[in-house]
Amino acid sequence: MNVLICYRMNQFSKNTAGIFTKLLGQAYAFADLGHQVRLLYMSRNRLVLGEVSAANTLQEITHIQPIPKADERDNFWRKANALIRHQGWSPELVYVRYDQMFKGSEFLHFLDNAKDTSNAVVVEFPTFPYELEIENKTDRQTDAEFVKQIHQHVDFVCSWNPVETIHGAANFTFNNKIHIDEGIVSKSELPLIKADNTLHLLAVANFMFWHGYDRLLRGMSDYYQQGGKDKLHVHFVGGGEAVGDLKFQAAELGLEQQVTFYGFRAESELTPLYDLASVCIGSLGLHRLNIRENSTLKVRNYLSNGLPVVLASQDADLVDFDKVLYLPANEEPVEVARLVEFAKQCDKNTHIRSEIRGFARDNLTWQRFACDLIERVTKGQH
């Protein structure tokens, strides 16, 4: 089957590097199953049509430039119409990441054009509901007017949210998966707690208020004020709007010596930190978006590197996995004593890193998703 995957994400953006990695992971999974896969995406100021192979390589076919940053959202989808069919190649499945519509409906027009020559057009909602992510009230209202028409332009949608329909379109429920790059994944078999008895807590994100890491810092402060003796060090890797607030909070709480901010690091640069880490900290504030269940990519990356994780939202893929500590989804400081005990219990298993990596390989890769989606399309269940 010919598969076209479309993300308005930039290949070189630091803020959305994880999302572009997801795009490639999905594409590689379809290619591994023998499908011909093309991609539409941004590369700096260019709209690129690319192709992936089962050898996990991405090659550019052609491009359109420039796409001005000021009006990139609408320009991308308007000009992408010319690349849906290129040099006699036509897609049978068009898979599109939802792009919020703040000005016009070019996104919907693109979906209509894709439907003209494909068997199925599927839109993924990476987050649903997502309205609270849109800070500008006018943008939120404009998008709401357009998105309620989505059922007229797709065969079905997909989301991690288990609702039956989204804005009138049938919803194919899935949990996020990952592509595991064996060349850069941590292969460490070291104990989780090193010889100096410091617990190293790692969080990698484009930091926003809904990550809730302020709860972790407040919890650390409370832990030490209540006489906690274990040494803790937090490693924050990434940029984002919340970094300034976290730095201010760490200083205000007297935790500057226990917190390190690294800024953006490419995935290939994270291996030493994964080797060092004792536990990875997932999102602690998704309840601020009215989200209680999710399947985040970063948590899957943590597990693929052999590390236990801490979460404050449920994850259907991890319900029966005992290397996850679930914290309450509220505004209370993290109970750090509980986190410390969790890390110590995990560290008693001398094979824990390899066991967690094995779980990730067996349960958290994109191949299962690709198989299920193709099956739904071919059986016409939409």
Protein backbone atom coordinates (compact mmCIF):
# COMPACT_ATOMS: atom_id res chain seq x y z
CA MET A 1 0.00 0.00 0.00
CA ASN A 2 1.15 3.54 -0.75
CA VAL A 3 1.12 5.56 2.48
CA LEU A 4 1.51 9.34 2.76
CA ILE A 5 2.15 10.72 6.26
CA CYS A 6 1.82 14.47 6.77
CA TYR A 7 3.10 16.47 9.75
CA ARG A 8 3.59 20.24 9.74
CA MET A 9 6.67 19.78 11.89
CA ASN A 10 10.17 21.05 11.22
CA GLN A 11 13.00 18.59 10.85
CA PHE A 12 15.39 20.98 12.59
CA SER A 13 13.19 22.42 15.35
CA LYS A 14 14.52 21.80 18.85
CA ASN A 15 11.11 22.38 20.40
CA THR A 16 9.40 19.66 18.37
CA ALA A 17 12.28 17.21 17.96
CA GLY A 18 10.34 14.49 19.77
CA ILE A 19 7.35 14.91 17.45
CA PHE A 20 9.54 14.65 14.36
CA THR A 21 11.04 11.48 15.81
CA LYS A 22 7.48 10.16 16.18
CA LEU A 23 6.82 10.94 12.50
CA LEU A 24 9.87 8.93 11.49
CA GLY A 25 8.95 6.08 13.84
CA GLN A 26 5.51 5.74 12.30
CA ALA A 27 6.95 5.92 8.80
CA TYR A 28 9.62 3.30 9.48
CA ALA A 29 6.99 0.95 10.91
CA PHE A 30 4.88 1.08 7.74
CA ALA A 31 8.02 0.65 5.61
CA ASP A 32 9.14 -2.33 7.70
CA LEU A 33 5.82 -3.99 6.83
CA GLY A 34 6.53 -3.61 3.12
CA HIS A 35 4.50 -0.47 2.34
CA GLN A 36 5.77 2.40 0.19
CA VAL A 37 5.92 5.44 2.45
CA ARG A 38 6.22 9.12 1.64
CA LEU A 39 6.25 12.05 4.05
CA LEU A 40 5.30 15.72 3.92
CA TYR A 41 7.08 17.88 6.50
CA MET A 42 8.99 21.12 7.02
CA SER A 43 12.77 21.41 6.78
CA ARG A 44 13.81 24.91 7.82
CA ASN A 45 11.82 27.12 5.39
CA ARG A 46 11.08 24.34 2.89
CA LEU A 47 8.06 22.07 2.47
CA VAL A 48 9.60 18.69 1.71
CA LEU A 49 8.27 15.53 0.12
CA GLY A 50 10.43 12.69 1.37
CA GLU A 51 10.52 8.91 1.24
CA VAL A 52 11.59 6.30 3.78
CA SER A 53 12.75 2.75 3.30
CA ALA A 54 12.76 -0.40 5.39
CA ALA A 55 16.44 0.39 6.01
CA ASN A 56 15.24 3.31 8.17
CA THR A 57 16.57 6.03 5.91
CA LEU A 58 14.86 9.29 4.93
CA GLN A 59 15.51 10.71 1.47
CA GLU A 60 14.19 13.92 -0.04
CA ILE A 61 12.28 13.62 -3.32
CA THR A 62 11.44 17.28 -3.92
CA HIS A 63 10.58 20.47 -2.08
CA ILE A 64 8.75 23.78 -2.30
CA GLN A 65 10.28 26.96 -0.90
CA PRO A 66 10.13 29.36 0.71
CA ILE A 67 7.33 28.81 3.19
CA PRO A 68 7.26 32.09 5.18
CA LYS A 69 7.27 31.52 8.94
CA ALA A 70 4.69 34.27 9.50
CA ASP A 71 1.99 32.34 7.64
CA GLU A 72 3.46 28.87 7.67
CA ARG A 73 0.35 27.11 8.99
CA ASP A 74 -1.93 27.91 6.03
CA ASN A 75 0.84 28.07 3.40
CA PHE A 76 2.02 24.56 4.27
CA TRP A 77 -1.36 22.94 3.61
CA ARG A 78 -2.14 25.11 0.58
CA LYS A 79 1.11 24.23 -1.16
CA ALA A 80 1.15 20.61 0.04
CA ASN A 81 -1.75 19.91 -2.33
CA ALA A 82 0.70 19.90 -5.23
CA LEU A 83 2.74 17.09 -3.64
CA ILE A 84 0.01 14.60 -2.71
CA ARG A 85 0.47 12.99 -6.11
CA HIS A 86 3.96 13.37 -7.54
CA GLN A 87 5.44 11.79 -10.67
CA GLY A 88 2.64 9.26 -11.05
CA TRP A 89 2.66 8.11 -7.40
CA SER A 90 -0.72 8.22 -5.62
CA PRO A 91 -1.37 7.43 -1.96
CA GLU A 92 -3.92 4.85 -0.87
CA LEU A 93 -3.73 5.91 2.80
CA VAL A 94 -3.16 9.52 3.82
CA TYR A 95 -2.33 9.91 7.52
CA VAL A 96 -2.30 13.49 8.83
CA ARG A 97 -1.43 14.98 12.21
CA TYR A 98 -4.13 17.47 13.18
CA ASP A 99 -3.07 21.10 12.77
CA GLN A 100 -5.08 23.69 14.68
CA MET A 101 -6.87 26.19 12.42
CA PHE A 102 -6.55 29.77 13.63
CA LYS A 103 -7.12 31.72 10.39
CA GLY A 104 -8.61 29.63 7.63
CA SER A 105 -9.57 26.13 6.57
CA GLU A 106 -6.64 25.27 4.28
CA PHE A 107 -6.12 22.17 6.40
CA LEU A 108 -9.65 20.94 5.57
CA HIS A 109 -9.16 21.71 1.88
CA PHE A 110 -6.01 19.58 1.92
CA LEU A 111 -7.95 16.69 3.43
CA ASP A 112 -10.56 16.98 0.67
CA ASN A 113 -7.92 16.88 -2.04
CA ALA A 114 -6.31 13.85 -0.41
CA LYS A 115 -9.66 12.04 -0.34
CA ASP A 116 -10.04 12.45 -4.10
CA THR A 117 -7.28 9.94 -4.85
CA SER A 118 -6.94 7.76 -1.74
CA ASN A 119 -8.86 4.93 -0.13
CA ALA A 120 -8.74 6.52 3.31
CA VAL A 121 -7.83 9.82 4.96
CA VAL A 122 -7.08 9.56 8.67
CA VAL A 123 -6.39 12.47 11.03
CA GLU A 124 -4.52 11.88 14.27
CA PHE A 125 -5.36 14.02 17.28
CA PRO A 126 -2.13 13.78 19.33
CA THR A 127 -4.00 15.27 22.29
CA PHE A 128 -7.74 15.26 22.90
CA PRO A 129 -9.20 17.34 24.33
CA TYR A 130 -6.60 19.96 23.50
CA GLU A 131 -8.47 23.27 23.83
CA LEU A 132 -6.65 24.37 27.00
CA GLU A 133 -3.34 24.22 25.12
CA ILE A 134 -4.54 27.22 23.03
CA GLU A 135 -3.97 30.29 25.18
CA ASN A 136 -5.47 32.87 22.79
CA LYS A 137 -9.27 32.92 23.19
CA THR A 138 -9.90 34.07 19.61
CA ASP A 139 -7.68 31.31 18.20
CA ARG A 140 -9.47 28.78 20.40
CA GLN A 141 -12.88 29.87 19.14
CA THR A 142 -11.81 29.93 15.49
CA ASP A 143 -10.34 26.45 15.68
CA ALA A 144 -13.47 25.17 17.44
CA GLU A 145 -15.63 26.37 14.54
CA PHE A 146 -13.48 24.57 11.96
CA VAL A 147 -12.67 21.36 13.83
CA LYS A 148 -16.33 20.50 14.39
CA GLN A 149 -16.51 19.96 10.60
CA ILE A 150 -13.71 17.36 10.62
CA HIS A 151 -16.10 14.41 10.17
CA GLN A 152 -16.99 15.71 6.71
CA HIS A 153 -13.39 15.55 5.51
CA VAL A 154 -11.98 12.26 6.85
CA ASP A 155 -12.79 8.57 6.86
CA PHE A 156 -11.98 8.35 10.56
CA VAL A 157 -9.72 9.90 13.18
CA CYS A 158 -7.40 8.37 15.73
CA SER A 159 -6.39 9.34 19.24
CA TRP A 160 -5.17 7.81 22.49
CA ASN A 161 -8.47 8.98 24.00
CA PRO A 162 -10.88 5.99 24.13
CA VAL A 163 -13.98 7.99 23.13
CA GLU A 164 -15.99 6.45 20.28
CA THR A 165 -16.16 9.63 18.20
CA ILE A 166 -14.36 12.97 17.96
CA HIS A 167 -16.42 15.80 16.47
CA GLY A 168 -18.65 13.27 14.73
CA ALA A 169 -15.86 11.15 13.24
CA ALA A 170 -15.30 7.55 14.30
CA ASN A 171 -12.24 7.30 16.54
CA PHE A 172 -9.59 4.58 16.20
CA THR A 173 -8.01 4.39 19.64
CA PHE A 174 -4.29 3.77 19.94
CA ASN A 175 -1.49 4.33 22.43
CA ASN A 176 1.65 6.16 21.41
CA LYS A 177 4.59 3.99 20.47
CA ILE A 178 8.23 4.61 19.60
CA HIS A 179 10.96 3.63 17.19
CA ILE A 180 13.93 2.24 19.11
CA ASP A 181 17.27 3.25 17.63
CA GLU A 182 19.63 0.56 18.89
CA GLY A 183 22.59 2.71 17.91
CA ILE A 184 21.94 5.35 20.57
CA VAL A 185 19.81 3.65 23.22
CA SER A 186 21.48 3.20 26.62
CA LYS A 187 22.93 -0.27 27.11
CA SER A 188 24.04 0.36 30.68
CA GLU A 189 23.71 -2.42 33.26
CA LEU A 190 24.93 -0.21 36.11
CA PRO A 191 22.91 -0.02 39.34
CA LEU A 192 20.22 2.64 39.34
CA ILE A 193 21.76 4.19 42.46
CA LYS A 194 25.47 4.80 42.03
CA ALA A 195 28.28 4.44 44.56
CA ASP A 196 27.80 7.96 45.93
CA ASN A 197 24.20 7.03 46.89
CA THR A 198 22.74 9.96 44.94
CA LEU A 199 19.39 9.43 43.26
CA HIS A 200 19.53 11.09 39.85
CA LEU A 201 16.10 12.14 38.57
CA LEU A 202 15.90 12.86 34.83
CA ALA A 203 13.22 14.81 32.96
CA VAL A 204 13.48 15.54 29.23
CA ALA A 205 10.85 17.85 27.73
CA ASN A 206 9.95 21.07 26.01
CA PHE A 207 8.92 22.33 29.44
CA MET A 208 5.40 23.73 29.80
CA PHE A 209 3.20 24.39 32.82
CA TRP A 210 1.34 21.12 32.31
CA HIS A 211 4.48 19.07 32.87
CA GLY A 212 4.06 19.94 36.54
CA TYR A 213 7.72 19.77 37.55
CA ASP A 214 7.10 22.55 40.05
CA ARG A 215 5.44 19.79 42.11
CA LEU A 216 8.72 17.85 42.13
CA LEU A 217 10.76 20.83 43.31
CA ARG A 218 8.26 21.63 46.06
CA GLY A 219 8.34 17.99 47.07
CA MET A 220 12.13 17.99 47.30
CA SER A 221 12.05 21.09 49.50
CA ASP A 222 9.50 19.47 51.81
CA TYR A 223 11.53 16.25 51.91
CA TYR A 224 14.66 18.00 53.17
CA GLN A 225 12.74 20.22 55.59
CA GLN A 226 11.20 17.08 57.10
CA GLY A 227 14.63 15.54 57.67
CA GLY A 228 15.10 13.49 54.50
CA LYS A 229 18.65 12.17 54.25
CA ASP A 230 18.93 10.72 50.75
CA LYS A 231 20.80 12.82 48.22
CA LEU A 232 18.76 13.82 45.17
CA HIS A 233 19.76 15.56 41.97
CA VAL A 234 17.34 16.61 39.23
CA HIS A 235 18.48 16.86 35.63
CA PHE A 236 16.17 19.01 33.45
CA VAL A 237 16.95 18.62 29.73
CA GLY A 238 15.21 20.83 27.19
CA GLY A 239 13.87 24.32 26.57
CA GLY A 240 10.32 25.60 26.77
CA GLU A 241 8.21 28.32 28.36
CA ALA A 242 8.40 26.88 31.89
CA VAL A 243 12.21 26.76 32.18
CA GLY A 244 12.46 30.28 33.60
CA ASP A 245 9.84 29.54 36.25
CA LEU A 246 11.59 26.30 37.23
CA LYS A 247 14.95 28.07 37.57
CA PHE A 248 13.37 30.77 39.74
CA GLN A 249 11.61 28.18 41.88
CA ALA A 250 14.79 26.11 42.37
CA ALA A 251 16.62 29.22 43.57
CA GLU A 252 13.74 30.33 45.80
CA LEU A 253 13.60 26.90 47.45
CA GLY A 254 17.37 26.73 47.94
CA LEU A 255 17.75 23.81 45.52
CA GLU A 256 20.21 25.32 43.06
CA GLN A 257 22.90 22.77 43.96
CA GLN A 258 20.45 19.89 43.49
CA VAL A 259 19.11 20.92 40.04
CA THR A 260 20.91 21.14 36.70
CA PHE A 261 19.41 22.72 33.58
CA TYR A 262 20.99 21.53 30.32
CA GLY A 263 18.92 23.20 27.63
CA PHE A 264 18.14 21.30 24.46
CA ARG A 265 19.99 18.05 23.74
CA ALA A 266 19.49 15.84 20.69
CA GLU A 267 18.36 12.29 21.41
CA SER A 268 21.80 11.02 20.41
CA GLU A 269 23.34 13.20 23.14
CA LEU A 270 21.19 11.83 25.97
CA THR A 271 22.82 8.41 26.41
CA PRO A 272 25.25 9.53 29.16
CA LEU A 273 22.34 11.00 31.11
CA TYR A 274 20.29 7.83 30.72
CA ASP A 275 23.32 5.89 31.96
CA LEU A 276 23.52 8.18 35.00
CA ALA A 277 19.81 8.36 35.83
CA SER A 278 18.14 6.39 38.62
CA VAL A 279 14.54 7.24 37.72
CA CYS A 280 12.89 9.29 34.97
CA ILE A 281 10.07 11.69 35.75
CA GLY A 282 7.13 11.88 33.35
CA SER A 283 4.46 14.58 33.28
CA LEU A 284 3.10 15.50 36.71
CA GLY A 285 0.55 18.12 35.66
CA LEU A 286 -1.58 16.83 32.79
CA HIS A 287 -4.61 17.28 35.02
CA ARG A 288 -4.08 20.99 34.38
CA LEU A 289 -5.30 20.23 30.85
CA ASN A 290 -8.15 18.08 32.19
CA ILE A 291 -6.25 14.97 31.03
CA ARG A 292 -6.14 11.98 33.37
CA GLU A 293 -4.92 9.33 30.95
CA ASN A 294 -2.27 9.65 28.26
CA SER A 295 0.44 7.78 26.40
CA THR A 296 3.40 10.12 26.12
CA LEU A 297 6.32 9.49 23.80
CA LYS A 298 8.91 10.58 26.33
CA VAL A 299 7.86 7.93 28.86
CA ARG A 300 8.35 5.30 26.18
CA ASN A 301 11.80 6.68 25.42
CA TYR A 302 12.67 6.46 29.11
CA LEU A 303 11.62 2.81 29.22
CA SER A 304 13.48 1.95 26.02
CA ASN A 305 16.62 3.20 27.79
CA GLY A 306 16.02 0.82 30.68
CA LEU A 307 14.76 3.22 33.36
CA PRO A 308 11.77 3.11 35.74
CA VAL A 309 9.40 6.06 35.49
CA VAL A 310 7.21 8.23 37.69
CA LEU A 311 3.85 9.48 36.35
CA ALA A 312 0.78 11.36 37.52
CA SER A 313 -1.55 10.17 34.72
CA GLN A 314 -2.66 6.69 33.77
CA ASP A 315 -1.13 4.93 30.75
CA ALA A 316 -3.01 1.97 29.28
CA ASP A 317 0.18 0.34 27.96
CA LEU A 318 1.68 0.28 31.44
CA VAL A 319 -1.23 -0.85 33.61
CA ASP A 320 0.36 -4.18 34.51
CA PHE A 321 3.99 -2.99 34.44
CA ASP A 322 5.47 -2.73 37.92
CA LYS A 323 8.37 -0.42 37.06
CA VAL A 324 6.08 2.62 37.08
CA LEU A 325 5.21 4.72 40.12
CA TYR A 326 1.87 6.52 39.82
CA LEU A 327 1.47 9.72 41.82
CA PRO A 328 -1.80 11.56 42.51
CA ALA A 329 -2.96 13.91 39.74
CA ASN A 330 -3.30 17.03 41.88
CA GLU A 331 -1.47 20.18 42.91
CA GLU A 332 0.17 18.73 46.02
CA PRO A 333 3.98 18.52 46.21
CA VAL A 334 5.41 15.16 45.16
CA GLU A 335 5.84 12.79 48.08
CA VAL A 336 9.57 12.41 47.56
CA ALA A 337 10.01 9.83 50.32
CA ARG A 338 7.74 7.54 48.31
CA LEU A 339 9.76 8.21 45.15
CA VAL A 340 12.99 7.40 46.99
CA GLU A 341 11.59 4.11 48.27
CA PHE A 342 10.41 3.21 44.75
CA ALA A 343 13.91 3.81 43.34
CA LYS A 344 15.53 1.73 46.08
CA GLN A 345 13.13 -1.17 45.52
CA CYS A 346 13.80 -1.10 41.77
CA ASP A 347 17.54 -1.01 42.39
CA LYS A 348 17.37 -4.35 44.22
CA ASN A 349 16.79 -6.05 40.84
CA THR A 350 20.27 -6.36 39.31
CA HIS A 351 18.77 -6.96 35.85
CA ILE A 352 16.24 -4.15 35.96
CA ARG A 353 17.65 -2.10 33.09
CA SER A 354 17.66 -5.00 30.63
CA GLU A 355 14.21 -6.12 31.76
CA ILE A 356 12.72 -2.68 31.19
CA ARG A 357 14.40 -2.41 27.77
CA GLY A 358 12.98 -5.81 26.87
CA PHE A 359 9.49 -4.73 27.88
CA ALA A 360 9.77 -1.64 25.68
CA ARG A 361 10.92 -3.65 22.65
CA ASP A 362 8.11 -6.18 23.06
CA ASN A 363 5.26 -3.78 23.77
CA LEU A 364 5.95 -0.17 22.83
CA THR A 365 7.05 0.01 19.17
CA TRP A 366 5.05 1.37 16.22
CA GLN A 367 4.79 -1.89 14.24
CA ARG A 368 1.64 -3.04 16.07
CA PHE A 369 -0.02 0.30 15.43
CA ALA A 370 0.82 0.16 11.72
CA CYS A 371 -0.58 -3.36 11.39
CA ASP A 372 -3.83 -2.45 13.15
CA LEU A 373 -4.34 0.73 11.13
CA ILE A 374 -3.75 -0.99 7.79
CA GLU A 375 -6.16 -3.73 8.81
CA ARG A 376 -8.87 -1.19 9.61
CA VAL A 377 -8.36 0.59 6.29
CA THR A 378 -8.35 -2.57 4.19
CA LYS A 379 -11.47 -3.94 5.88
CA GLY A 380 -13.26 -0.66 5.32
CA GLN A 381 -14.16 -0.21 8.98
CA HIS A 382 -14.68 3.52 8.68
